[in-house]
Amino acid sequence: MSTNVASGSQDASFVQLFRLWSAARANGRLVMPDIHTEAQAHGFADQTAAAAASLFCLLEGQVGRRLSPGKPGDREFTADERALIGLLRQAPMLQPGRGTRAIPHGLPGAISWAARCLCDAMGIEVDHGIYALQAAAANSQDCPFAITAERRGSAEG
């Protein structure tokens, strides 16, 4: 997985949805109009915005903190954005509550459902050769959303 935002790529489109969702929420705006418009611009299914918003909310509740987005126009993905991409790429292969090497603790049922719905809406299929979670947590038994020095730095800045 690239850590760069490549225009037109599925990963970049997904990260853009997350950044729009985060920005709308931070500014006290409704999140759905922005991410629905963006999803439609990419030709994704109507349910993409609802599935994405559900996934982001459920994940924040599960990890107990706000996820850290990059700033608009950033060319690099944050650690949380890389973990989100990895989760999305692994979701079609996961069963609720069962893990993989990249997501050792598995996903709770609601998060698994939201991630699978989002994959369906965005046309993401199982790719057994991809291991998108290249963060340090991917080679350990840690949660890919665990607090790291990079995440502490982005939360302070």
N, C-alpha and C. Protein backbone atom coordinates (compact mmCIF):
# COMPACT_ATOMS: atom_id res chain seq x y z
N MET A 1 0.84 -1.18 0.00
CA MET A 1 0.00 0.00 0.00
C MET A 1 0.88 1.23 0.00
N SER A 2 0.54 2.15 -0.79
CA SER A 2 1.25 3.42 -0.83
C SER A 2 0.78 4.30 0.33
N THR A 3 1.70 5.10 0.84
CA THR A 3 1.30 6.05 1.88
C THR A 3 0.95 7.39 1.27
N ASN A 4 1.03 7.50 -0.04
CA ASN A 4 0.71 8.75 -0.73
C ASN A 4 -0.73 8.75 -1.19
N VAL A 5 -1.28 9.93 -1.26
CA VAL A 5 -2.61 10.10 -1.85
C VAL A 5 -2.42 10.15 -3.36
N ALA A 6 -2.84 9.10 -4.05
CA ALA A 6 -2.73 9.06 -5.51
C ALA A 6 -4.09 9.39 -6.08
N SER A 7 -4.17 10.44 -6.86
CA SER A 7 -5.48 10.86 -7.36
C SER A 7 -6.10 9.75 -8.19
N GLY A 8 -7.39 9.56 -7.97
CA GLY A 8 -8.14 8.57 -8.71
C GLY A 8 -8.11 7.19 -8.09
N SER A 9 -7.26 6.93 -7.13
CA SER A 9 -7.19 5.59 -6.55
C SER A 9 -8.32 5.39 -5.55
N GLN A 10 -8.69 4.13 -5.37
CA GLN A 10 -9.75 3.79 -4.44
C GLN A 10 -9.35 4.18 -3.01
N ASP A 11 -8.10 3.95 -2.65
CA ASP A 11 -7.63 4.31 -1.32
C ASP A 11 -7.75 5.82 -1.10
N ALA A 12 -7.34 6.60 -2.07
CA ALA A 12 -7.40 8.06 -1.95
C ALA A 12 -8.86 8.52 -1.84
N SER A 13 -9.75 7.88 -2.58
CA SER A 13 -11.18 8.23 -2.50
C SER A 13 -11.73 7.94 -1.12
N PHE A 14 -11.36 6.80 -0.56
CA PHE A 14 -11.80 6.42 0.77
C PHE A 14 -11.26 7.39 1.82
N VAL A 15 -9.98 7.74 1.71
CA VAL A 15 -9.37 8.69 2.64
C VAL A 15 -10.04 10.05 2.51
N GLN A 16 -10.39 10.45 1.31
CA GLN A 16 -11.08 11.72 1.11
C GLN A 16 -12.43 11.73 1.83
N LEU A 17 -13.15 10.60 1.77
CA LEU A 17 -14.42 10.50 2.50
C LEU A 17 -14.17 10.68 4.00
N PHE A 18 -13.12 10.03 4.51
CA PHE A 18 -12.80 10.15 5.94
C PHE A 18 -12.42 11.58 6.31
N ARG A 19 -11.61 12.23 5.47
CA ARG A 19 -11.21 13.61 5.77
C ARG A 19 -12.39 14.56 5.73
N LEU A 20 -13.30 14.39 4.78
CA LEU A 20 -14.49 15.23 4.71
C LEU A 20 -15.39 15.00 5.92
N TRP A 21 -15.56 13.74 6.30
CA TRP A 21 -16.36 13.40 7.48
C TRP A 21 -15.77 14.06 8.72
N SER A 22 -14.46 13.92 8.89
CA SER A 22 -13.78 14.49 10.06
C SER A 22 -13.89 16.02 10.08
N ALA A 23 -13.69 16.65 8.93
CA ALA A 23 -13.74 18.12 8.86
C ALA A 23 -15.15 18.64 9.14
N ALA A 24 -16.15 17.99 8.57
CA ALA A 24 -17.54 18.42 8.81
C ALA A 24 -17.87 18.31 10.29
N ARG A 25 -17.51 17.21 10.89
CA ARG A 25 -17.78 17.01 12.31
C ARG A 25 -17.04 18.03 13.16
N ALA A 26 -15.77 18.28 12.85
CA ALA A 26 -14.97 19.25 13.62
C ALA A 26 -15.53 20.66 13.51
N ASN A 27 -16.17 20.97 12.37
CA ASN A 27 -16.73 22.30 12.15
C ASN A 27 -18.20 22.39 12.53
N GLY A 28 -18.74 21.34 13.14
CA GLY A 28 -20.12 21.37 13.59
C GLY A 28 -21.15 21.27 12.48
N ARG A 29 -20.74 20.80 11.30
CA ARG A 29 -21.66 20.65 10.18
C ARG A 29 -22.18 19.22 10.11
N LEU A 30 -23.28 19.02 9.41
CA LEU A 30 -23.76 17.67 9.14
C LEU A 30 -22.74 16.97 8.26
N VAL A 31 -22.43 15.72 8.56
CA VAL A 31 -21.39 15.02 7.81
C VAL A 31 -21.90 14.38 6.52
N MET A 32 -23.14 13.97 6.49
CA MET A 32 -23.64 13.21 5.35
C MET A 32 -23.65 13.96 4.02
N PRO A 33 -24.07 15.22 3.96
CA PRO A 33 -24.10 15.88 2.65
C PRO A 33 -22.73 15.90 1.96
N ASP A 34 -21.68 16.23 2.70
CA ASP A 34 -20.35 16.31 2.09
C ASP A 34 -19.86 14.96 1.59
N ILE A 35 -20.00 13.93 2.44
CA ILE A 35 -19.46 12.64 2.00
C ILE A 35 -20.37 11.97 0.95
N HIS A 36 -21.66 12.26 0.99
CA HIS A 36 -22.54 11.72 -0.05
C HIS A 36 -22.19 12.33 -1.42
N THR A 37 -21.99 13.64 -1.43
CA THR A 37 -21.63 14.32 -2.69
C THR A 37 -20.31 13.78 -3.22
N GLU A 38 -19.33 13.59 -2.34
CA GLU A 38 -18.02 13.06 -2.75
C GLU A 38 -18.15 11.63 -3.28
N ALA A 39 -18.91 10.80 -2.58
CA ALA A 39 -19.10 9.42 -3.02
C ALA A 39 -19.76 9.36 -4.39
N GLN A 40 -20.76 10.20 -4.59
CA GLN A 40 -21.45 10.26 -5.88
C GLN A 40 -20.49 10.70 -6.99
N ALA A 41 -19.61 11.65 -6.68
CA ALA A 41 -18.64 12.13 -7.68
C ALA A 41 -17.70 11.02 -8.14
N HIS A 42 -17.48 10.04 -7.28
CA HIS A 42 -16.61 8.91 -7.63
C HIS A 42 -17.39 7.75 -8.24
N GLY A 43 -18.70 7.91 -8.32
CA GLY A 43 -19.53 6.87 -8.91
C GLY A 43 -19.82 5.70 -7.98
N PHE A 44 -19.65 5.91 -6.66
CA PHE A 44 -19.93 4.85 -5.70
C PHE A 44 -21.43 4.75 -5.47
N ALA A 45 -21.85 3.61 -4.96
CA ALA A 45 -23.27 3.35 -4.70
C ALA A 45 -23.84 4.35 -3.69
N ASP A 46 -25.17 4.50 -3.74
CA ASP A 46 -25.86 5.46 -2.86
C ASP A 46 -25.58 5.25 -1.38
N GLN A 47 -25.39 4.01 -0.96
CA GLN A 47 -25.21 3.71 0.46
C GLN A 47 -23.78 3.95 0.96
N THR A 48 -22.89 4.39 0.10
CA THR A 48 -21.48 4.58 0.48
C THR A 48 -21.33 5.54 1.66
N ALA A 49 -21.98 6.69 1.59
CA ALA A 49 -21.82 7.70 2.65
C ALA A 49 -22.32 7.16 3.99
N ALA A 50 -23.46 6.50 4.00
CA ALA A 50 -24.00 5.97 5.25
C ALA A 50 -23.09 4.88 5.82
N ALA A 51 -22.59 4.01 4.96
CA ALA A 51 -21.70 2.95 5.43
C ALA A 51 -20.38 3.53 5.95
N ALA A 52 -19.85 4.53 5.25
CA ALA A 52 -18.59 5.15 5.68
C ALA A 52 -18.76 5.86 7.02
N ALA A 53 -19.81 6.65 7.16
CA ALA A 53 -20.05 7.37 8.41
C ALA A 53 -20.25 6.39 9.56
N SER A 54 -20.97 5.30 9.31
CA SER A 54 -21.17 4.28 10.34
C SER A 54 -19.83 3.67 10.75
N LEU A 55 -19.01 3.32 9.76
CA LEU A 55 -17.71 2.72 10.05
C LEU A 55 -16.85 3.66 10.89
N PHE A 56 -16.76 4.92 10.50
CA PHE A 56 -15.92 5.86 11.22
C PHE A 56 -16.40 6.05 12.67
N CYS A 57 -17.71 6.21 12.85
CA CYS A 57 -18.27 6.37 14.20
C CYS A 57 -18.05 5.13 15.06
N LEU A 58 -18.32 3.97 14.50
CA LEU A 58 -18.16 2.73 15.25
C LEU A 58 -16.70 2.50 15.64
N LEU A 59 -15.78 2.80 14.73
CA LEU A 59 -14.36 2.62 15.03
C LEU A 59 -13.90 3.55 16.15
N GLU A 60 -14.33 4.81 16.09
CA GLU A 60 -13.94 5.73 17.15
C GLU A 60 -14.49 5.27 18.50
N GLY A 61 -15.69 4.76 18.50
CA GLY A 61 -16.25 4.23 19.74
C GLY A 61 -15.47 3.03 20.24
N GLN A 62 -15.05 2.18 19.33
CA GLN A 62 -14.31 0.98 19.71
C GLN A 62 -12.92 1.31 20.25
N VAL A 63 -12.22 2.23 19.59
CA VAL A 63 -10.85 2.54 20.03
C VAL A 63 -10.82 3.60 21.13
N GLY A 64 -11.95 4.26 21.37
CA GLY A 64 -12.05 5.21 22.47
C GLY A 64 -11.36 6.54 22.25
N ARG A 65 -11.23 6.94 21.01
CA ARG A 65 -10.62 8.24 20.70
C ARG A 65 -11.03 8.63 19.29
N ARG A 66 -10.81 9.92 18.98
CA ARG A 66 -11.05 10.38 17.60
C ARG A 66 -9.90 9.91 16.71
N LEU A 67 -10.25 9.49 15.51
CA LEU A 67 -9.24 9.11 14.53
C LEU A 67 -8.63 10.38 13.96
N SER A 68 -7.36 10.31 13.60
CA SER A 68 -6.63 11.49 13.13
C SER A 68 -6.58 11.55 11.61
N PRO A 69 -7.25 12.54 11.02
CA PRO A 69 -7.19 12.70 9.57
C PRO A 69 -6.01 13.57 9.17
N GLY A 70 -5.60 13.44 7.93
CA GLY A 70 -4.64 14.38 7.36
C GLY A 70 -5.37 15.68 7.05
N LYS A 71 -4.61 16.69 6.79
CA LYS A 71 -5.20 17.98 6.42
C LYS A 71 -5.58 17.96 4.95
N PRO A 72 -6.57 18.76 4.56
CA PRO A 72 -6.93 18.81 3.14
C PRO A 72 -5.70 19.12 2.30
N GLY A 73 -5.53 18.36 1.25
CA GLY A 73 -4.39 18.57 0.35
C GLY A 73 -3.13 17.84 0.76
N ASP A 74 -3.08 17.25 1.96
CA ASP A 74 -1.91 16.47 2.36
C ASP A 74 -1.72 15.32 1.37
N ARG A 75 -0.50 15.09 0.98
CA ARG A 75 -0.20 14.00 0.05
C ARG A 75 0.11 12.69 0.78
N GLU A 76 0.35 12.77 2.07
CA GLU A 76 0.67 11.58 2.87
C GLU A 76 -0.54 11.17 3.70
N PHE A 77 -0.70 9.88 3.88
CA PHE A 77 -1.75 9.37 4.76
C PHE A 77 -1.23 9.37 6.20
N THR A 78 -2.13 9.65 7.14
CA THR A 78 -1.78 9.54 8.56
C THR A 78 -1.76 8.06 8.95
N ALA A 79 -1.26 7.78 10.14
CA ALA A 79 -1.26 6.39 10.63
C ALA A 79 -2.69 5.85 10.71
N ASP A 80 -3.63 6.67 11.17
CA ASP A 80 -5.02 6.22 11.24
C ASP A 80 -5.61 5.99 9.85
N GLU A 81 -5.27 6.83 8.90
CA GLU A 81 -5.76 6.64 7.54
C GLU A 81 -5.20 5.35 6.95
N ARG A 82 -3.93 5.06 7.20
CA ARG A 82 -3.35 3.79 6.73
C ARG A 82 -4.05 2.60 7.40
N ALA A 83 -4.34 2.73 8.69
CA ALA A 83 -5.04 1.65 9.39
C ALA A 83 -6.46 1.47 8.84
N LEU A 84 -7.14 2.57 8.52
CA LEU A 84 -8.48 2.50 7.92
C LEU A 84 -8.44 1.78 6.58
N ILE A 85 -7.46 2.12 5.75
CA ILE A 85 -7.32 1.46 4.45
C ILE A 85 -7.07 -0.03 4.64
N GLY A 86 -6.19 -0.35 5.57
CA GLY A 86 -5.92 -1.75 5.84
C GLY A 86 -7.14 -2.51 6.31
N LEU A 87 -7.90 -1.90 7.19
CA LEU A 87 -9.13 -2.51 7.67
C LEU A 87 -10.09 -2.74 6.52
N LEU A 88 -10.24 -1.74 5.67
CA LEU A 88 -11.16 -1.86 4.54
C LEU A 88 -10.71 -2.97 3.59
N ARG A 89 -9.43 -3.08 3.36
CA ARG A 89 -8.91 -4.11 2.46
C ARG A 89 -9.02 -5.52 3.05
N GLN A 90 -8.98 -5.62 4.36
CA GLN A 90 -9.09 -6.91 5.03
C GLN A 90 -10.55 -7.31 5.28
N ALA A 91 -11.44 -6.33 5.36
CA ALA A 91 -12.83 -6.58 5.76
C ALA A 91 -13.53 -7.70 4.99
N PRO A 92 -13.38 -7.79 3.67
CA PRO A 92 -14.11 -8.87 2.98
C PRO A 92 -13.66 -10.27 3.40
N MET A 93 -12.47 -10.38 3.97
CA MET A 93 -11.94 -11.69 4.37
C MET A 93 -12.25 -12.02 5.82
N LEU A 94 -12.70 -11.04 6.60
CA LEU A 94 -12.90 -11.25 8.02
C LEU A 94 -14.30 -11.76 8.34
N GLN A 95 -14.36 -12.61 9.32
CA GLN A 95 -15.62 -13.00 9.93
C GLN A 95 -15.73 -12.23 11.23
N PRO A 96 -16.93 -11.81 11.63
CA PRO A 96 -17.04 -11.06 12.89
C PRO A 96 -16.36 -11.81 14.05
N GLY A 97 -15.51 -11.08 14.76
CA GLY A 97 -14.84 -11.64 15.93
C GLY A 97 -13.64 -12.51 15.64
N ARG A 98 -13.31 -12.76 14.37
CA ARG A 98 -12.16 -13.61 14.03
C ARG A 98 -11.09 -12.74 13.39
N GLY A 99 -9.87 -12.93 13.78
CA GLY A 99 -8.78 -12.08 13.32
C GLY A 99 -8.00 -12.61 12.14
N THR A 100 -7.11 -11.77 11.67
CA THR A 100 -6.12 -12.11 10.65
C THR A 100 -4.78 -11.60 11.17
N ARG A 101 -3.72 -11.85 10.44
CA ARG A 101 -2.42 -11.34 10.85
C ARG A 101 -2.44 -9.81 10.95
N ALA A 102 -3.11 -9.16 10.02
CA ALA A 102 -3.16 -7.70 10.00
C ALA A 102 -4.10 -7.13 11.06
N ILE A 103 -5.15 -7.86 11.38
CA ILE A 103 -6.12 -7.41 12.40
C ILE A 103 -6.28 -8.57 13.38
N PRO A 104 -5.30 -8.74 14.29
CA PRO A 104 -5.24 -9.93 15.12
C PRO A 104 -6.44 -10.13 16.05
N HIS A 105 -7.09 -9.06 16.47
CA HIS A 105 -8.21 -9.18 17.40
C HIS A 105 -9.55 -9.31 16.69
N GLY A 106 -9.54 -9.29 15.36
CA GLY A 106 -10.79 -9.36 14.61
C GLY A 106 -11.58 -8.07 14.75
N LEU A 107 -12.80 -8.08 14.27
CA LEU A 107 -13.67 -6.91 14.34
C LEU A 107 -14.97 -7.28 15.01
N PRO A 108 -15.48 -6.39 15.87
CA PRO A 108 -16.82 -6.62 16.40
C PRO A 108 -17.83 -6.67 15.25
N GLY A 109 -18.95 -7.33 15.47
CA GLY A 109 -19.93 -7.54 14.41
C GLY A 109 -20.38 -6.28 13.70
N ALA A 110 -20.67 -5.21 14.44
CA ALA A 110 -21.17 -3.98 13.81
C ALA A 110 -20.10 -3.34 12.92
N ILE A 111 -18.85 -3.35 13.37
CA ILE A 111 -17.77 -2.77 12.57
C ILE A 111 -17.54 -3.63 11.34
N SER A 112 -17.56 -4.93 11.51
CA SER A 112 -17.40 -5.84 10.38
C SER A 112 -18.50 -5.61 9.35
N TRP A 113 -19.75 -5.45 9.83
CA TRP A 113 -20.87 -5.20 8.94
C TRP A 113 -20.68 -3.89 8.17
N ALA A 114 -20.32 -2.81 8.89
CA ALA A 114 -20.14 -1.51 8.24
C ALA A 114 -19.01 -1.57 7.21
N ALA A 115 -17.92 -2.22 7.56
CA ALA A 115 -16.78 -2.32 6.63
C ALA A 115 -17.16 -3.12 5.39
N ARG A 116 -17.88 -4.21 5.58
CA ARG A 116 -18.29 -5.02 4.43
C ARG A 116 -19.29 -4.27 3.55
N CYS A 117 -20.22 -3.54 4.16
CA CYS A 117 -21.16 -2.72 3.38
C CYS A 117 -20.42 -1.67 2.57
N LEU A 118 -19.42 -1.05 3.19
CA LEU A 118 -18.64 -0.04 2.49
C LEU A 118 -17.86 -0.66 1.33
N CYS A 119 -17.29 -1.83 1.56
CA CYS A 119 -16.58 -2.52 0.47
C CYS A 119 -17.52 -2.81 -0.69
N ASP A 120 -18.71 -3.30 -0.38
CA ASP A 120 -19.70 -3.57 -1.43
C ASP A 120 -20.06 -2.28 -2.18
N ALA A 121 -20.28 -1.20 -1.43
CA ALA A 121 -20.68 0.07 -2.03
C ALA A 121 -19.59 0.65 -2.92
N MET A 122 -18.33 0.42 -2.53
CA MET A 122 -17.20 0.98 -3.29
C MET A 122 -16.66 0.00 -4.33
N GLY A 123 -17.22 -1.21 -4.38
CA GLY A 123 -16.77 -2.20 -5.35
C GLY A 123 -15.43 -2.84 -4.99
N ILE A 124 -15.12 -2.90 -3.71
CA ILE A 124 -13.86 -3.51 -3.26
C ILE A 124 -14.09 -5.00 -3.09
N GLU A 125 -13.25 -5.79 -3.75
CA GLU A 125 -13.37 -7.24 -3.69
C GLU A 125 -12.21 -7.81 -2.90
N VAL A 126 -12.34 -9.07 -2.51
CA VAL A 126 -11.28 -9.74 -1.77
C VAL A 126 -10.02 -9.80 -2.61
N ASP A 127 -8.92 -9.36 -2.04
CA ASP A 127 -7.62 -9.47 -2.67
C ASP A 127 -6.70 -10.13 -1.64
N HIS A 128 -6.56 -11.43 -1.73
CA HIS A 128 -5.80 -12.17 -0.73
C HIS A 128 -4.31 -11.81 -0.75
N GLY A 129 -3.82 -11.18 -1.79
CA GLY A 129 -2.41 -10.84 -1.88
C GLY A 129 -2.07 -9.50 -1.24
N ILE A 130 -3.08 -8.74 -0.84
CA ILE A 130 -2.79 -7.40 -0.33
C ILE A 130 -2.73 -7.41 1.19
N TYR A 131 -1.73 -6.80 1.73
CA TYR A 131 -1.60 -6.60 3.17
C TYR A 131 -1.36 -5.13 3.38
N ALA A 132 -2.45 -4.36 3.40
CA ALA A 132 -2.36 -2.91 3.41
C ALA A 132 -1.92 -2.33 4.74
N LEU A 133 -1.99 -3.10 5.80
CA LEU A 133 -1.57 -2.56 7.09
C LEU A 133 -0.06 -2.71 7.22
N GLN A 134 0.68 -1.74 6.74
CA GLN A 134 2.13 -1.80 6.78
C GLN A 134 2.71 -1.05 7.97
N ALA A 135 1.83 -0.54 8.83
CA ALA A 135 2.30 0.14 10.03
C ALA A 135 2.97 -0.89 10.93
N ALA A 136 3.71 -0.44 11.91
CA ALA A 136 4.43 -1.34 12.80
C ALA A 136 3.51 -2.36 13.45
N ALA A 137 2.27 -1.99 13.71
CA ALA A 137 1.33 -2.90 14.37
C ALA A 137 1.02 -4.12 13.52
N ALA A 138 1.22 -4.06 12.22
CA ALA A 138 0.87 -5.18 11.34
C ALA A 138 1.72 -6.40 11.63
N ASN A 139 2.92 -6.23 12.11
CA ASN A 139 3.81 -7.35 12.38
C ASN A 139 3.79 -7.77 13.84
N SER A 140 2.93 -7.19 14.63
CA SER A 140 2.81 -7.57 16.02
C SER A 140 1.38 -7.99 16.29
N GLN A 141 1.06 -8.19 17.51
CA GLN A 141 -0.31 -8.55 17.87
C GLN A 141 -1.07 -7.34 18.39
N ASP A 142 -0.62 -6.14 18.05
CA ASP A 142 -1.25 -4.91 18.50
C ASP A 142 -2.38 -4.50 17.56
N CYS A 143 -3.28 -3.72 18.11
CA CYS A 143 -4.35 -3.14 17.31
C CYS A 143 -3.75 -2.13 16.34
N PRO A 144 -4.18 -2.15 15.07
CA PRO A 144 -3.64 -1.18 14.11
C PRO A 144 -4.02 0.26 14.44
N PHE A 145 -4.96 0.46 15.36
CA PHE A 145 -5.36 1.80 15.76
C PHE A 145 -4.77 2.18 17.12
N ALA A 146 -3.85 1.38 17.64
CA ALA A 146 -3.25 1.67 18.94
C ALA A 146 -2.53 3.01 18.90
N ILE A 147 -2.46 3.66 20.04
CA ILE A 147 -1.78 4.96 20.13
C ILE A 147 -0.28 4.74 19.88
N THR A 148 0.25 5.48 18.93
CA THR A 148 1.68 5.44 18.60
C THR A 148 2.23 6.85 18.71
N ALA A 149 3.55 6.97 18.61
CA ALA A 149 4.17 8.29 18.67
C ALA A 149 3.63 9.17 17.56
N GLU A 150 3.43 8.62 16.36
CA GLU A 150 2.90 9.42 15.24
C GLU A 150 1.51 9.93 15.57
N ARG A 151 0.66 9.08 16.15
CA ARG A 151 -0.70 9.49 16.48
C ARG A 151 -0.70 10.52 17.61
N ARG A 152 0.19 10.34 18.60
CA ARG A 152 0.27 11.33 19.68
C ARG A 152 0.67 12.68 19.11
N GLY A 153 1.63 12.71 18.17
CA GLY A 153 2.08 13.95 17.55
C GLY A 153 0.98 14.64 16.76
N SER A 154 0.19 13.85 15.99
CA SER A 154 -0.88 14.47 15.18
C SER A 154 -2.02 14.94 16.06
N ALA A 155 -2.24 14.32 17.20
CA ALA A 155 -3.31 14.75 18.10
C ALA A 155 -2.93 16.05 18.81
N GLU A 156 -1.63 16.26 19.01
CA GLU A 156 -1.17 17.48 19.68
C GLU A 156 -1.09 18.64 18.72
N GLY A 157 -0.88 18.36 17.40
CA GLY A 157 -0.67 19.43 16.41
C GLY A 157 -1.87 19.95 15.80
